[in-house]
Amino acid sequence: MQSFGYYGDFNYRRPLQAFGLRNSTRNKIHPKDLSIHGWYQFVLGYPPHLVRQYITKFRLNNGDIIFDPFAGLGTTLVEASKNNIISYGVEANPIACFASTVKLYRNYDLKALEECLAYILSSIELSFRYHDIDEPSLDVFDPSTHFGPVVIKKVNGITADQEKLIPKGFISPRPLLKVLIIRDIIERIQDELLKNFFKLALCAFIVKEAGNMAFGPEIYRTNAKKDIESLRGFQNIAISMINDVRQGQLQAPATIYFGDSRDLSKVLPEELLGRINAVITSPPYPNEKDYTRSTRLESVLLGFIKGKEDLRNIKTGLLRSNSRNVFNGDEDEKQVAQFISITSLAEAIENRRLELKKTSGFEKLYHKIVLHYFGGMYRHLKTLKSFLSAQARLAYVVGDQASYFKILIPTAKLLGEIAEHLGYKIKEVERWRTRLATATRKQLDENVLIIET
């Protein structure tokens, strides 16, 4: 098979002058873009201005359809809606799919949101008093509201199985109790739209206020917070979200589906066949980042993961990008057996492991991850084709990697080779930014692979 010409057969550019941003700030969200996007964020996502850049580059308008097959927390879909372009997405992580669904709803009742927030805050105060938890009063309860406050006398804790799934030290006992009380109050809300809106506010509260975590870019444990001021913290997050709703920035409808993008025929409706005009997305990269770990605490506390079986089921629906979601019976590697560039890379990684005498179970999977990852992307690009319109344009944000014994994985190059084999046309690779690799302490490229039908 002819090798894809990484530096010769298409236009390879130097770093984009994206909005005049320096490399160090190019992937950071602008303060003016925080509306809706900022409700609940994922550290490994890309910023809204990147989506706008490709909406402009692809000359998309309100007659087009944008698709994000790895939708995450809905950055592409939210930005498409703000620009009055219809969009669809697919996401396999349930809490991320949930967050996107809440963000993308366009018809919230502002008065109901405000009354529901008063109910929640008043119920928190009363429940805290019952449990001898002392926090400054907010004096928010309006007796005219039809949301009467409740007192949570018996707090529904987390099970032993759930506790085992939370990384050690990610939340302290006192903040945990407060989170569980707030969760139980929100669960009493009958209206599903309102309930889900404030569940997402609680997700953000867990990450920003209650948990002992930070991102840099890996998620890590910080110093333990013995206590938190939860009334004021939750109120500030919820009010900010309600104010964003008040601005009414969402215009076009957006729909997200829960599912596995390696087989879109089982996820997307038939009415989308041949209708998608553009793809703007960022799939996981082949590395050792367990994407479920970054959302693990809130996923467990809010019931998206109830035990090991739930976690396993989530991981089986994800692209194989790390050693913690490779399973016996996986067969994606068969899709790329004919690609010498990929099989040789996997062989080089395994040979390096043997040379270094690395024997852990995770390290023995490193070469398999490469095969399964690109095999999964092969399946994705193949099943995507029938949903694309003639002359559709696709932008895949992908980073080169060196996580496996410091051997370079040129992700955009190899995905380009797969795409070309499947009949796509390679237009160019634009270097979005460079970033410091954890394994090598060297700068690696994060590129945007642009292809067409």
Protein backbone atom coordinates (compact mmCIF):
# COMPACT_ATOMS: atom_id res chain seq x y z
CA MET A 1 0.00 0.00 0.00
CA GLN A 2 1.25 3.46 -0.91
CA SER A 3 2.20 5.47 2.15
CA PHE A 4 0.32 8.69 2.83
CA GLY A 5 2.54 11.69 1.99
CA TYR A 6 2.72 13.48 5.29
CA TYR A 7 4.86 16.36 4.05
CA GLY A 8 4.52 16.01 0.30
CA ASP A 9 1.15 14.97 -1.09
CA PHE A 10 -0.93 17.74 0.47
CA ASN A 11 -0.62 21.21 1.93
CA TYR A 12 1.05 21.14 5.35
CA ARG A 13 0.96 24.51 7.09
CA ARG A 14 2.73 26.15 9.96
CA PRO A 15 0.66 26.94 13.10
CA LEU A 16 -2.59 28.77 12.40
CA GLN A 17 -2.85 32.40 13.33
CA ALA A 18 -6.09 31.62 15.12
CA PHE A 19 -7.62 34.93 16.19
CA GLY A 20 -4.09 36.25 16.74
CA LEU A 21 -3.59 33.84 19.64
CA ARG A 22 -0.26 32.60 20.86
CA ASN A 23 0.36 28.86 20.94
CA SER A 24 0.05 28.81 24.75
CA THR A 25 -3.46 30.32 24.70
CA ARG A 26 -4.80 28.90 21.45
CA ASN A 27 -6.65 26.01 23.09
CA LYS A 28 -8.09 28.06 25.97
CA ILE A 29 -11.70 29.17 26.02
CA HIS A 30 -12.23 32.91 25.70
CA PRO A 31 -14.16 34.55 28.58
CA LYS A 32 -16.74 35.82 26.08
CA ASP A 33 -17.39 32.20 25.01
CA LEU A 34 -18.20 30.87 28.48
CA SER A 35 -21.96 31.30 28.03
CA ILE A 36 -23.48 27.77 27.92
CA HIS A 37 -20.09 26.25 27.02
CA GLY A 38 -18.93 26.96 30.56
CA TRP A 39 -21.79 25.21 32.33
CA TYR A 40 -19.73 22.05 32.65
CA GLN A 41 -16.35 21.73 30.94
CA PHE A 42 -14.01 18.92 30.00
CA VAL A 43 -10.32 19.68 30.18
CA LEU A 44 -9.43 17.65 27.08
CA GLY A 45 -11.86 19.45 24.77
CA TYR A 46 -11.19 22.19 22.23
CA PRO A 47 -12.42 25.80 22.41
CA PRO A 48 -15.47 27.31 20.66
CA HIS A 49 -13.33 29.63 18.55
CA LEU A 50 -11.85 26.60 16.78
CA VAL A 51 -15.36 25.56 15.74
CA ARG A 52 -16.10 29.07 14.48
CA GLN A 53 -12.88 29.03 12.51
CA TYR A 54 -13.95 25.93 10.58
CA ILE A 55 -17.51 27.14 10.16
CA THR A 56 -15.94 30.12 8.38
CA LYS A 57 -13.32 28.08 6.52
CA PHE A 58 -15.92 25.61 5.23
CA ARG A 59 -18.34 28.46 4.39
CA LEU A 60 -21.16 26.88 6.32
CA ASN A 61 -24.54 28.58 6.73
CA ASN A 62 -28.02 27.89 8.05
CA GLY A 63 -28.79 25.58 5.14
CA ASP A 64 -26.07 23.13 6.18
CA ILE A 65 -25.79 20.35 8.75
CA ILE A 66 -22.76 19.96 11.02
CA PHE A 67 -21.96 16.66 12.73
CA ASP A 68 -19.68 15.82 15.65
CA PRO A 69 -19.23 12.05 16.08
CA PHE A 70 -17.19 12.47 19.27
CA ALA A 71 -19.33 15.23 20.72
CA GLY A 72 -18.02 15.25 24.31
CA LEU A 73 -19.63 18.16 26.15
CA GLY A 74 -21.16 19.59 22.99
CA THR A 75 -18.72 22.34 22.01
CA THR A 76 -19.31 21.90 18.27
CA LEU A 77 -23.08 21.57 18.66
CA VAL A 78 -23.49 24.56 20.98
CA GLU A 79 -21.37 26.75 18.73
CA ALA A 80 -23.24 25.57 15.63
CA SER A 81 -26.55 26.45 17.30
CA LYS A 82 -25.23 29.89 18.28
CA ASN A 83 -24.37 30.41 14.61
CA ASN A 84 -27.84 29.25 13.49
CA ILE A 85 -26.63 26.00 11.89
CA ILE A 86 -28.41 22.69 12.51
CA SER A 87 -26.16 20.07 14.10
CA TYR A 88 -26.07 16.50 15.33
CA GLY A 89 -23.67 14.65 17.58
CA VAL A 90 -22.87 11.24 19.03
CA GLU A 91 -21.28 10.61 22.42
CA ALA A 92 -20.54 7.35 24.25
CA ASN A 93 -19.86 8.71 27.75
CA PRO A 94 -23.31 8.98 29.42
CA ILE A 95 -22.56 11.98 31.63
CA ALA A 96 -21.07 13.90 28.70
CA CYS A 97 -24.09 13.03 26.54
CA PHE A 98 -26.36 14.17 29.39
CA ALA A 99 -24.48 17.46 29.77
CA SER A 100 -24.71 18.18 26.04
CA THR A 101 -28.43 17.45 26.03
CA VAL A 102 -29.02 19.92 28.88
CA LYS A 103 -26.87 22.59 27.24
CA LEU A 104 -28.63 22.28 23.90
CA TYR A 105 -32.24 22.64 25.07
CA ARG A 106 -33.59 25.96 23.77
CA ASN A 107 -36.94 26.41 25.52
CA TYR A 108 -36.34 26.61 29.26
CA ASP A 109 -38.98 28.51 31.26
CA LEU A 110 -37.02 31.24 33.05
CA LYS A 111 -39.62 31.77 35.77
CA ALA A 112 -39.74 28.03 36.49
CA LEU A 113 -35.94 27.89 36.69
CA GLU A 114 -35.85 30.76 39.17
CA GLU A 115 -38.62 29.29 41.32
CA CYS A 116 -36.98 25.87 41.25
CA LEU A 117 -33.65 27.36 42.34
CA ALA A 118 -35.42 29.05 45.29
CA TYR A 119 -36.91 25.65 46.21
CA ILE A 120 -33.49 23.98 46.05
CA LEU A 121 -31.69 26.61 48.13
CA SER A 122 -34.45 26.77 50.74
CA SER A 123 -34.47 22.97 50.96
CA ILE A 124 -30.71 22.93 51.38
CA GLU A 125 -30.94 25.38 54.28
CA LEU A 126 -33.66 23.39 56.02
CA SER A 127 -31.92 20.07 55.43
CA PHE A 128 -28.59 21.43 56.65
CA ARG A 129 -30.22 22.64 59.86
CA TYR A 130 -31.74 19.21 60.40
CA HIS A 131 -28.26 17.66 60.09
CA ASP A 132 -26.62 20.37 62.26
CA ILE A 133 -24.69 21.77 59.32
CA ASP A 134 -24.03 25.46 59.83
CA GLU A 135 -23.80 27.72 56.77
CA PRO A 136 -24.73 31.41 56.31
CA SER A 137 -28.42 31.82 55.38
CA LEU A 138 -29.33 33.16 51.94
CA ASP A 139 -32.95 34.13 52.74
CA VAL A 140 -34.15 32.94 49.34
CA PHE A 141 -37.45 31.21 49.99
CA ASP A 142 -40.47 32.89 48.43
CA PRO A 143 -43.69 31.42 49.91
CA SER A 144 -45.58 32.37 46.72
CA THR A 145 -43.73 29.77 44.69
CA HIS A 146 -45.44 26.48 43.95
CA PHE A 147 -42.17 24.68 44.77
CA GLY A 148 -42.52 24.01 48.50
CA PRO A 149 -39.20 23.23 50.25
CA VAL A 150 -38.37 19.75 51.54
CA VAL A 151 -36.22 18.48 54.37
CA ILE A 152 -33.92 15.57 53.58
CA LYS A 153 -33.86 13.61 56.82
CA LYS A 154 -32.31 10.40 55.53
CA VAL A 155 -29.49 10.97 53.06
CA ASN A 156 -29.10 8.36 50.35
CA GLY A 157 -25.42 7.54 50.49
CA ILE A 158 -23.31 5.82 47.86
CA THR A 159 -22.91 2.06 47.82
CA ALA A 160 -19.70 0.23 48.62
CA ASP A 161 -19.37 -0.65 44.93
CA GLN A 162 -19.68 3.00 43.94
CA GLU A 163 -17.18 4.10 46.58
CA LYS A 164 -14.59 1.74 45.11
CA LEU A 165 -14.94 3.44 41.74
CA ILE A 166 -14.13 6.92 43.04
CA PRO A 167 -10.38 7.62 42.95
CA LYS A 168 -9.04 7.83 46.49
CA GLY A 169 -9.16 11.30 48.02
CA PHE A 170 -11.21 12.92 45.23
CA ILE A 171 -13.78 14.18 47.75
CA SER A 172 -13.74 14.62 51.54
CA PRO A 173 -16.50 13.41 53.91
CA ARG A 174 -18.06 16.78 54.78
CA PRO A 175 -18.33 18.06 51.18
CA LEU A 176 -19.59 14.62 50.15
CA LEU A 177 -22.45 14.80 52.66
CA LYS A 178 -23.44 18.22 51.37
CA VAL A 179 -23.36 17.07 47.74
CA LEU A 180 -25.54 14.06 48.56
CA ILE A 181 -28.12 16.25 50.33
CA ILE A 182 -28.28 18.60 47.34
CA ARG A 183 -28.55 15.62 45.00
CA ASP A 184 -31.47 14.17 46.96
CA ILE A 185 -33.24 17.54 46.91
CA ILE A 186 -32.85 17.84 43.14
CA GLU A 187 -34.10 14.28 42.65
CA ARG A 188 -37.43 15.32 44.25
CA ILE A 189 -38.14 17.68 41.32
CA GLN A 190 -40.93 16.23 39.18
CA ASP A 191 -40.25 18.13 35.95
CA GLU A 192 -37.44 16.29 34.12
CA LEU A 193 -36.19 19.38 32.27
CA LEU A 194 -35.82 21.33 35.49
CA LYS A 195 -34.33 18.36 37.32
CA ASN A 196 -31.72 17.80 34.64
CA PHE A 197 -30.82 21.49 34.46
CA PHE A 198 -29.96 21.57 38.14
CA LYS A 199 -28.29 18.15 38.05
CA LEU A 200 -25.87 19.67 35.55
CA ALA A 201 -25.36 22.62 37.90
CA LEU A 202 -24.52 20.08 40.59
CA CYS A 203 -22.04 18.38 38.23
CA ALA A 204 -20.24 21.69 37.85
CA PHE A 205 -20.41 22.30 41.60
CA ILE A 206 -18.81 18.91 42.32
CA VAL A 207 -15.93 19.64 39.96
CA LYS A 208 -15.39 23.31 40.78
CA GLU A 209 -16.21 23.46 44.48
CA ALA A 210 -16.68 20.12 46.25
CA GLY A 211 -14.05 17.80 44.83
CA ASN A 212 -10.34 17.62 45.57
CA MET A 213 -9.33 17.54 41.89
CA ALA A 214 -7.63 19.67 39.32
CA PHE A 215 -6.57 19.24 35.70
CA GLY A 216 -3.19 19.92 34.26
CA PRO A 217 -3.99 18.34 31.70
CA GLU A 218 -4.25 15.01 33.57
CA ILE A 219 -6.75 14.91 36.39
CA TYR A 220 -4.99 14.80 39.76
CA ARG A 221 -5.81 14.99 43.46
CA THR A 222 -5.34 18.28 45.29
CA ASN A 223 -5.20 19.09 48.99
CA ALA A 224 -8.29 17.87 50.80
CA LYS A 225 -11.09 20.38 51.42
CA LYS A 226 -12.38 19.66 54.89
CA ASP A 227 -15.49 21.76 54.26
CA ILE A 228 -17.04 24.01 51.62
CA GLU A 229 -19.61 26.81 51.57
CA SER A 230 -22.06 24.93 49.39
CA LEU A 231 -25.13 27.18 49.53
CA ARG A 232 -23.37 30.17 48.05
CA GLY A 233 -21.27 28.05 45.68
CA PHE A 234 -24.22 26.17 44.21
CA GLN A 235 -26.29 29.34 43.98
CA ASN A 236 -23.59 31.17 42.01
CA ILE A 237 -23.26 28.34 39.48
CA ALA A 238 -27.02 27.98 39.01
CA ILE A 239 -27.62 31.74 38.68
CA SER A 240 -24.87 31.97 36.05
CA MET A 241 -26.54 29.19 34.05
CA ILE A 242 -29.97 30.86 34.33
CA ASN A 243 -28.48 34.17 33.15
CA ASP A 244 -27.07 32.38 30.09
CA VAL A 245 -30.55 31.03 29.32
CA ARG A 246 -31.89 34.57 29.63
CA GLN A 247 -29.53 35.72 26.86
CA GLY A 248 -31.17 33.29 24.40
CA GLN A 249 -28.04 32.64 22.34
CA LEU A 250 -29.04 29.24 20.96
CA GLN A 251 -30.75 29.53 17.59
CA ALA A 252 -30.70 26.37 15.48
CA PRO A 253 -31.81 22.95 16.78
CA ALA A 254 -29.12 20.48 17.83
CA THR A 255 -29.54 16.78 18.61
CA ILE A 256 -27.14 14.44 20.38
CA TYR A 257 -27.37 10.66 20.41
CA PHE A 258 -25.87 8.27 22.92
CA GLY A 259 -23.85 5.63 21.12
CA ASP A 260 -20.64 4.30 19.61
CA SER A 261 -19.29 6.24 16.61
CA ARG A 262 -17.50 3.19 15.31
CA ASP A 263 -20.87 2.02 13.94
CA LEU A 264 -22.96 5.07 13.13
CA SER A 265 -25.52 2.97 11.23
CA LYS A 266 -26.76 1.78 14.64
CA VAL A 267 -26.91 5.29 16.11
CA LEU A 268 -27.97 7.88 13.52
CA PRO A 269 -31.45 7.94 11.94
CA GLU A 270 -31.83 7.02 8.27
CA GLU A 271 -33.11 10.51 7.49
CA LEU A 272 -29.54 11.79 7.88
CA LEU A 273 -28.18 9.58 5.11
CA GLY A 274 -26.38 11.75 2.56
CA ARG A 275 -27.25 14.99 4.36
CA ILE A 276 -24.28 15.90 6.58
CA ASN A 277 -22.28 18.75 5.03
CA ALA A 278 -19.46 19.08 7.56
CA VAL A 279 -17.78 17.29 10.44
CA ILE A 280 -15.90 19.20 13.14
CA THR A 281 -14.65 16.90 15.85
CA SER A 282 -11.82 15.69 18.06
CA PRO A 283 -11.70 11.95 18.76
CA PRO A 284 -9.67 10.61 21.68
CA TYR A 285 -5.96 10.27 20.99
CA PRO A 286 -3.97 7.02 21.38
CA ASN A 287 -2.49 7.62 24.82
CA GLU A 288 -2.85 6.53 28.42
CA LYS A 289 -5.63 8.95 29.39
CA ASP A 290 -8.66 7.13 30.78
CA TYR A 291 -11.41 9.50 29.68
CA THR A 292 -13.90 8.00 32.13
CA ARG A 293 -11.62 8.89 35.04
CA SER A 294 -11.90 12.62 34.27
CA THR A 295 -15.65 12.46 34.87
CA ARG A 296 -15.66 9.60 37.38
CA LEU A 297 -16.53 11.45 40.60
CA GLU A 298 -19.62 13.22 39.29
CA SER A 299 -20.66 10.16 37.25
CA VAL A 300 -20.73 8.03 40.40
CA LEU A 301 -22.31 10.60 42.73
CA LEU A 302 -25.13 11.36 40.29
CA GLY A 303 -25.83 7.73 39.48
CA PHE A 304 -24.54 7.46 35.92
CA ILE A 305 -22.23 4.70 37.16
CA LYS A 306 -23.58 2.35 39.82
CA GLY A 307 -20.94 -0.37 39.72
CA LYS A 308 -18.10 -2.02 37.83
CA GLU A 309 -20.45 -3.44 35.23
CA ASP A 310 -21.73 0.02 34.33
CA LEU A 311 -18.17 1.30 34.00
CA ARG A 312 -17.19 -1.64 31.82
CA ASN A 313 -20.22 -1.13 29.59
CA ILE A 314 -19.28 2.51 29.10
CA LYS A 315 -15.70 1.63 28.23
CA THR A 316 -16.70 -1.01 25.70
CA GLY A 317 -18.56 1.69 23.76
CA LEU A 318 -15.51 3.95 23.56
CA LEU A 319 -12.78 4.13 20.96
CA ARG A 320 -9.85 2.05 22.23
CA SER A 321 -7.36 4.77 23.16
CA ASN A 322 -5.81 3.54 26.42
CA SER A 323 -4.94 0.29 28.14
CA ARG A 324 -7.88 0.54 30.56
CA ASN A 325 -10.48 0.09 27.85
CA VAL A 326 -8.98 -2.81 25.91
CA PHE A 327 -10.89 -6.05 26.44
CA ASN A 328 -10.66 -9.69 25.48
CA GLY A 329 -12.59 -10.19 22.27
CA ASP A 330 -11.78 -6.77 20.80
CA GLU A 331 -11.31 -7.10 17.06
CA ASP A 332 -10.80 -3.56 15.76
CA GLU A 333 -7.16 -4.36 15.03
CA LYS A 334 -8.27 -6.56 12.11
CA GLN A 335 -9.38 -3.46 10.21
CA VAL A 336 -5.82 -2.17 9.82
CA ALA A 337 -3.91 -5.41 9.22
CA GLN A 338 -3.13 -4.23 5.68
CA PHE A 339 -1.62 -0.91 6.78
CA ILE A 340 2.12 -1.52 7.06
CA SER A 341 2.68 1.91 8.60
CA ILE A 342 0.38 1.06 11.51
CA THR A 343 1.38 -2.56 12.06
CA SER A 344 5.08 -1.60 11.92
CA LEU A 345 4.50 1.10 14.52
CA ALA A 346 2.77 -1.38 16.82
CA GLU A 347 5.61 -3.85 16.32
CA ALA A 348 8.18 -1.16 17.17
CA ILE A 349 6.34 -0.38 20.42
CA GLU A 350 6.24 -4.05 21.42
CA ASN A 351 9.92 -4.50 20.56
CA ARG A 352 10.79 -1.50 22.70
CA ARG A 353 8.83 -3.01 25.58
CA LEU A 354 10.78 -6.24 25.30
CA GLU A 355 14.05 -4.33 25.05
CA LEU A 356 13.23 -2.36 28.22
CA LYS A 357 11.98 -5.53 29.95
CA LYS A 358 8.65 -3.94 30.85
CA THR A 359 6.24 -6.59 32.05
CA SER A 360 3.15 -4.93 33.53
CA GLY A 361 -0.23 -5.88 32.12
CA PHE A 362 -0.84 -2.34 30.93
CA GLU A 363 2.49 -2.10 29.13
CA LYS A 364 1.87 -5.38 27.34
CA LEU A 365 -1.22 -3.76 25.80
CA TYR A 366 0.50 -0.68 24.39
CA HIS A 367 1.03 -2.08 20.90
CA LYS A 368 -2.52 -3.44 20.90
CA ILE A 369 -3.92 0.02 21.68
CA VAL A 370 -2.34 1.42 18.52
CA LEU A 371 -3.90 -1.32 16.40
CA HIS A 372 -7.32 -1.10 18.05
CA TYR A 373 -7.35 2.69 17.99
CA PHE A 374 -6.68 3.04 14.29
CA GLY A 375 -8.88 0.04 13.58
CA GLY A 376 -11.72 1.78 15.44
CA MET A 377 -11.13 4.99 13.48
CA TYR A 378 -11.18 2.94 10.27
CA ARG A 379 -14.61 1.59 11.26
CA HIS A 380 -15.78 5.10 12.13
CA LEU A 381 -14.70 6.70 8.85
CA LYS A 382 -16.14 3.81 6.87
CA THR A 383 -19.58 3.91 8.49
CA LEU A 384 -19.64 7.72 8.34
CA LYS A 385 -19.41 7.89 4.53
CA SER A 386 -23.05 7.05 3.81
CA PHE A 387 -24.23 9.96 5.97
CA LEU A 388 -22.10 12.56 4.18
CA SER A 389 -23.30 14.75 1.35
CA ALA A 390 -21.36 15.20 -1.86
CA GLN A 391 -18.34 17.46 -1.24
CA ALA A 392 -18.71 17.32 2.53
CA ARG A 393 -15.74 18.74 4.44
CA LEU A 394 -14.35 17.19 7.60
CA ALA A 395 -11.99 18.56 10.26
CA TYR A 396 -10.45 16.11 12.77
CA VAL A 397 -8.45 17.63 15.59
CA VAL A 398 -5.86 15.00 16.57
CA GLY A 399 -2.56 15.10 18.40
CA ASP A 400 0.68 13.26 17.77
CA GLN A 401 1.57 11.09 20.74
CA ALA A 402 4.63 9.57 22.41
CA SER A 403 2.99 7.91 25.41
CA TYR A 404 4.19 4.39 24.64
CA PHE A 405 7.91 4.12 25.41
CA LYS A 406 8.48 7.52 23.74
CA ILE A 407 7.83 6.16 20.25
CA LEU A 408 6.17 8.83 18.09
CA ILE A 409 2.63 8.12 16.89
CA PRO A 410 1.89 10.56 14.00
CA THR A 411 -1.86 10.44 14.46
CA ALA A 412 -2.93 12.81 11.67
CA LYS A 413 -0.63 11.12 9.16
CA LEU A 414 -1.99 7.65 9.90
CA LEU A 415 -5.62 8.77 9.96
CA GLY A 416 -5.02 10.46 6.63
CA GLU A 417 -3.73 7.22 5.20
CA ILE A 418 -6.84 5.38 6.42
CA ALA A 419 -9.14 8.08 5.04
CA GLU A 420 -7.42 8.01 1.67
CA HIS A 421 -7.78 4.23 1.51
CA LEU A 422 -11.54 4.60 2.18
CA GLY A 423 -11.96 7.04 -0.70
CA TYR A 424 -11.76 10.37 1.05
CA LYS A 425 -9.73 13.19 -0.45
CA ILE A 426 -6.95 14.64 1.67
CA LYS A 427 -6.98 18.43 1.55
CA GLU A 428 -4.44 19.51 4.13
CA VAL A 429 -3.17 19.25 7.66
CA GLU A 430 -3.13 22.45 9.68
CA ARG A 431 -1.09 22.56 12.83
CA TRP A 432 -3.47 23.86 15.48
CA ARG A 433 -0.84 24.15 18.20
CA THR A 434 2.05 22.35 19.83
CA ARG A 435 1.86 20.96 23.35
CA LEU A 436 4.36 19.57 25.82
CA ALA A 437 4.38 15.77 25.88
CA THR A 438 4.40 14.25 29.36
CA ALA A 439 6.52 11.26 28.32
CA THR A 440 9.26 13.05 26.37
CA ARG A 441 9.04 16.65 27.69
CA LYS A 442 9.16 17.72 24.04
CA GLN A 443 6.65 19.69 22.00
CA LEU A 444 4.30 17.56 19.90
CA ASP A 445 1.97 18.73 17.16
CA GLU A 446 -1.77 18.90 17.55
CA ASN A 447 -3.12 19.02 14.02
CA VAL A 448 -6.38 19.43 12.18
CA LEU A 449 -6.70 16.82 9.45
CA ILE A 450 -8.99 18.15 6.73
CA ILE A 451 -10.55 15.69 4.31
CA GLU A 452 -13.40 15.74 1.79
CA THR A 453 -15.78 13.25 0.23
